[in-house]
Amino acid sequence: MALKTGSEDKKKVIIAATLGVVVLGLAGYQIFNMFGGSTPPPAAPVSVSTAAPTPVSSPGPGPVQHRMTVGQGHEAAKIGNSMARLDPTLHPELMAAAESLEYTGKGRNIFSMSSVAMAIEPVKGPFRTAQNAPVVPAGPPPPPPIDLKFFGFEAVKSGTRKAFLLHGDDVFIAAEGDVVDHRYKVVKIAPFSLQVEDIPYNNTQTLPLVQN
């Protein structure tokens, strides 16, 4: 009975020692990772893709509306830009072919310093200048029109007539030989016209009868 109890205690001691070693190993591993262990590799970044703009047409008449959708699972694409279709690659063979072109026109090559100027056709006859142009004599200016209106006349018992003349807002009554406004002399009074002399210009004009 004593032997059996001693063997059981021995087994318990072995199991307890084994568990203690395991616990000490786990604790040491955790402490090592916390203070001196290698850091775990960083997680891979999650990429978020932007979808290309999807045009959505309105149900009624009007401008087309565009809506951007994000996170559709495919790579974003940029549209509507003409610069994206340009090829920036240089082609030396095409540049050399362009440089070897020669001007084949008939006129002067404006891109060449040694180009011969185009021949100008010589003048076939004398050209007219201001010196050989005929001189037209300038005469005196025409006299100004007489600023009077003849709108009627009055017959007197003696047989003489007196004309009614209008100059602006002024009304004059004059017989033949009278001077109106210190400038106009009445020469002759007829039933439908009036002859008046402009004294400063020595000019005689006929004024028609103006019906009111």
Protein backbone atom coordinates (compact mmCIF):
# COMPACT_ATOMS: atom_id res chain seq x y z
CA MET A 1 0.00 0.00 0.00
CA ALA A 2 2.88 2.33 0.76
CA LEU A 3 4.59 1.45 -2.49
CA LYS A 4 1.46 2.28 -4.54
CA THR A 5 1.15 5.69 -2.92
CA GLY A 6 4.75 6.54 -3.65
CA SER A 7 4.44 5.61 -7.33
CA GLU A 8 1.35 7.80 -7.76
CA ASP A 9 3.09 10.76 -6.16
CA LYS A 10 6.01 10.28 -8.48
CA LYS A 11 3.73 10.42 -11.55
CA LYS A 12 2.08 13.59 -10.29
CA VAL A 13 5.46 15.22 -9.80
CA ILE A 14 6.54 14.34 -13.36
CA ILE A 15 3.31 15.68 -14.84
CA ALA A 16 3.59 18.89 -12.83
CA ALA A 17 7.21 19.37 -13.89
CA THR A 18 6.29 18.83 -17.55
CA LEU A 19 3.48 21.38 -17.36
CA GLY A 20 5.80 23.86 -15.64
CA VAL A 21 8.37 23.52 -18.41
CA VAL A 22 5.69 24.09 -21.07
CA VAL A 23 4.35 27.15 -19.25
CA LEU A 24 7.83 28.60 -18.83
CA GLY A 25 8.54 28.02 -22.54
CA LEU A 26 5.38 29.78 -23.64
CA ALA A 27 6.03 32.70 -21.27
CA GLY A 28 9.58 33.05 -22.52
CA TYR A 29 8.42 32.98 -26.15
CA GLN A 30 5.90 35.75 -25.50
CA ILE A 31 8.49 37.90 -23.70
CA PHE A 32 10.98 37.34 -26.51
CA ASN A 33 8.46 38.43 -29.16
CA MET A 34 7.52 41.53 -27.14
CA PHE A 35 11.05 42.88 -26.51
CA GLY A 36 13.51 41.40 -28.95
CA GLY A 37 11.78 39.23 -31.44
CA SER A 38 11.38 39.83 -35.19
CA THR A 39 8.39 41.87 -36.29
CA PRO A 40 5.80 40.06 -38.33
CA PRO A 41 5.66 40.92 -42.07
CA PRO A 42 3.31 43.83 -42.92
CA ALA A 43 -0.03 43.00 -44.34
CA ALA A 44 -0.52 43.54 -48.04
CA PRO A 45 -2.22 46.90 -48.83
CA VAL A 46 -5.78 46.73 -50.01
CA SER A 47 -6.11 48.44 -53.39
CA VAL A 48 -9.21 50.44 -54.15
CA SER A 49 -9.92 50.80 -57.85
CA THR A 50 -11.89 53.64 -59.39
CA ALA A 51 -14.28 52.75 -62.15
CA ALA A 52 -14.46 54.67 -65.39
CA PRO A 53 -17.21 57.31 -65.61
CA THR A 54 -20.38 55.69 -66.80
CA PRO A 55 -22.62 58.03 -68.82
CA VAL A 56 -26.23 57.92 -67.70
CA SER A 57 -28.70 59.53 -70.06
CA SER A 58 -31.65 61.40 -68.66
CA PRO A 59 -35.13 60.07 -69.51
CA GLY A 60 -36.27 63.31 -71.11
CA PRO A 61 -34.66 65.86 -73.43
CA GLY A 62 -31.75 67.75 -72.00
CA PRO A 63 -28.00 67.44 -71.46
CA VAL A 64 -26.47 64.01 -70.74
CA GLN A 65 -25.46 63.49 -67.12
CA HIS A 66 -22.31 61.55 -66.10
CA ARG A 67 -21.95 59.57 -62.88
CA MET A 68 -18.70 58.20 -61.37
CA THR A 69 -18.84 54.68 -59.85
CA VAL A 70 -16.12 53.58 -57.37
CA GLY A 71 -15.15 50.10 -56.28
CA GLN A 72 -16.42 48.04 -59.22
CA GLY A 73 -13.38 45.75 -59.15
CA HIS A 74 -11.58 46.90 -62.35
CA GLU A 75 -8.88 49.45 -63.14
CA ALA A 76 -9.92 53.07 -63.68
CA ALA A 77 -9.72 54.42 -67.25
CA LYS A 78 -9.60 58.05 -68.32
CA ILE A 79 -11.59 58.93 -71.40
CA GLY A 80 -12.31 62.10 -73.35
CA ASN A 81 -8.70 63.38 -73.39
CA SER A 82 -7.03 63.69 -76.78
CA MET A 83 -3.53 63.84 -75.20
CA ALA A 84 -3.84 60.19 -74.15
CA ARG A 85 -3.84 59.12 -77.81
CA LEU A 86 -0.60 60.92 -78.68
CA ASP A 87 2.49 58.85 -79.30
CA PRO A 88 5.56 60.49 -77.65
CA THR A 89 7.98 58.13 -79.40
CA LEU A 90 10.50 59.84 -81.67
CA HIS A 91 10.96 58.39 -85.14
CA PRO A 92 14.35 59.48 -86.58
CA GLU A 93 13.60 57.99 -89.97
CA LEU A 94 10.52 60.17 -90.40
CA MET A 95 12.44 63.25 -89.26
CA ALA A 96 15.22 62.53 -91.74
CA ALA A 97 12.69 62.11 -94.55
CA ALA A 98 11.14 65.49 -93.69
CA GLU A 99 14.53 67.23 -93.66
CA SER A 100 15.41 65.84 -97.09
CA LEU A 101 12.44 67.46 -98.80
CA GLU A 102 13.29 70.15 -101.36
CA TYR A 103 11.24 73.19 -102.27
CA THR A 104 9.74 72.78 -105.74
CA GLY A 105 7.60 75.91 -105.98
CA LYS A 106 7.99 78.67 -108.55
CA GLY A 107 8.32 81.57 -106.12
CA ARG A 108 10.88 82.38 -103.49
CA ASN A 109 11.49 79.88 -100.69
CA ILE A 110 10.94 81.88 -97.52
CA PHE A 111 12.59 79.12 -95.44
CA SER A 112 15.96 79.42 -97.18
CA MET A 113 18.52 82.23 -96.80
CA SER A 114 20.10 81.50 -100.19
CA SER A 115 16.88 81.43 -102.17
CA VAL A 116 16.85 83.63 -105.29
CA ALA A 117 14.30 86.40 -105.26
CA MET A 118 11.45 86.13 -107.74
CA ALA A 119 11.91 88.21 -110.87
CA ILE A 120 9.56 91.19 -111.11
CA GLU A 121 8.15 92.09 -114.50
CA PRO A 122 9.56 95.44 -115.70
CA VAL A 123 7.27 98.41 -116.19
CA LYS A 124 6.07 98.64 -119.80
CA GLY A 125 4.99 102.30 -119.76
CA PRO A 126 5.39 105.51 -117.82
CA PHE A 127 3.47 105.56 -114.60
CA ARG A 128 1.50 108.56 -113.49
CA THR A 129 2.82 110.69 -110.65
CA ALA A 130 1.57 113.78 -108.90
CA GLN A 131 4.03 115.95 -110.84
CA ASN A 132 2.79 115.14 -114.35
CA ALA A 133 -0.90 115.00 -113.36
CA PRO A 134 -3.01 117.71 -114.98
CA VAL A 135 -3.68 120.65 -112.72
CA VAL A 136 -7.32 121.61 -112.50
CA PRO A 137 -7.70 125.31 -111.73
CA ALA A 138 -9.81 125.93 -108.68
CA GLY A 139 -12.41 128.61 -109.32
CA PRO A 140 -14.10 130.79 -106.77
CA PRO A 141 -16.69 129.10 -104.59
CA PRO A 142 -20.29 129.47 -105.70
CA PRO A 143 -22.31 132.16 -103.94
CA PRO A 144 -24.51 131.02 -101.08
CA PRO A 145 -28.25 130.73 -101.68
CA ILE A 146 -30.41 133.66 -100.65
CA ASP A 147 -32.09 132.84 -97.36
CA LEU A 148 -35.44 134.49 -98.10
CA LYS A 149 -38.93 133.14 -98.76
CA PHE A 150 -41.40 134.92 -101.03
CA PHE A 151 -44.90 134.07 -99.76
CA GLY A 152 -47.07 136.84 -101.26
CA PHE A 153 -47.39 140.42 -102.45
CA GLU A 154 -49.70 143.37 -102.03
CA ALA A 155 -50.94 145.63 -104.85
CA VAL A 156 -51.14 149.39 -104.07
CA LYS A 157 -53.46 151.93 -105.74
CA SER A 158 -50.55 153.57 -107.49
CA GLY A 159 -49.82 150.31 -109.30
CA THR A 160 -46.70 149.39 -107.39
CA ARG A 161 -46.39 146.00 -105.62
CA LYS A 162 -44.96 145.18 -102.23
CA ALA A 163 -43.66 141.68 -101.55
CA PHE A 164 -43.93 139.81 -98.30
CA LEU A 165 -40.59 138.19 -97.42
CA LEU A 166 -39.71 135.85 -94.59
CA HIS A 167 -36.18 135.58 -93.15
CA GLY A 168 -36.15 133.20 -90.20
CA ASP A 169 -38.78 134.56 -87.83
CA ASP A 170 -38.69 138.09 -89.29
CA VAL A 171 -41.25 139.30 -91.86
CA PHE A 172 -40.35 142.11 -94.31
CA ILE A 173 -42.56 144.13 -96.68
CA ALA A 174 -40.51 145.60 -99.55
CA ALA A 175 -41.17 147.19 -102.92
CA GLU A 176 -38.92 147.07 -105.99
CA GLY A 177 -35.59 148.76 -105.17
CA ASP A 178 -35.84 148.29 -101.41
CA VAL A 179 -33.03 146.58 -99.45
CA VAL A 180 -34.03 143.88 -96.97
CA ASP A 181 -31.93 143.06 -93.91
CA HIS A 182 -29.16 145.41 -95.11
CA ARG A 183 -28.12 142.87 -97.73
CA TYR A 184 -30.83 141.78 -100.20
CA LYS A 185 -32.19 144.18 -102.82
CA VAL A 186 -35.58 143.51 -104.40
CA VAL A 187 -35.09 143.82 -108.17
CA LYS A 188 -38.47 142.76 -109.62
CA ILE A 189 -41.76 141.53 -108.22
CA ALA A 190 -43.73 139.15 -110.46
CA PRO A 191 -47.03 137.40 -109.69
CA PHE A 192 -45.32 134.00 -109.09
CA SER A 193 -41.63 134.86 -108.56
CA LEU A 194 -39.29 137.46 -107.11
CA GLN A 195 -35.83 138.56 -108.28
CA VAL A 196 -33.49 139.41 -105.40
CA GLU A 197 -29.86 140.57 -105.57
CA ASP A 198 -27.32 139.49 -102.93
CA ILE A 199 -25.37 142.77 -102.68
CA PRO A 200 -22.11 141.45 -101.07
CA TYR A 201 -21.75 138.72 -103.71
CA ASN A 202 -23.30 140.69 -106.61
CA ASN A 203 -25.50 137.70 -107.32
CA THR A 204 -29.12 137.83 -108.49
CA GLN A 205 -31.43 134.87 -107.82
CA THR A 206 -35.10 134.19 -108.54
CA LEU A 207 -37.24 133.09 -105.60
CA PRO A 208 -40.48 131.19 -106.36
CA LEU A 209 -43.76 132.07 -104.69
CA VAL A 210 -44.33 129.73 -101.71
CA GLN A 211 -47.94 128.76 -101.15
CA ASN A 212 -48.97 128.54 -97.50
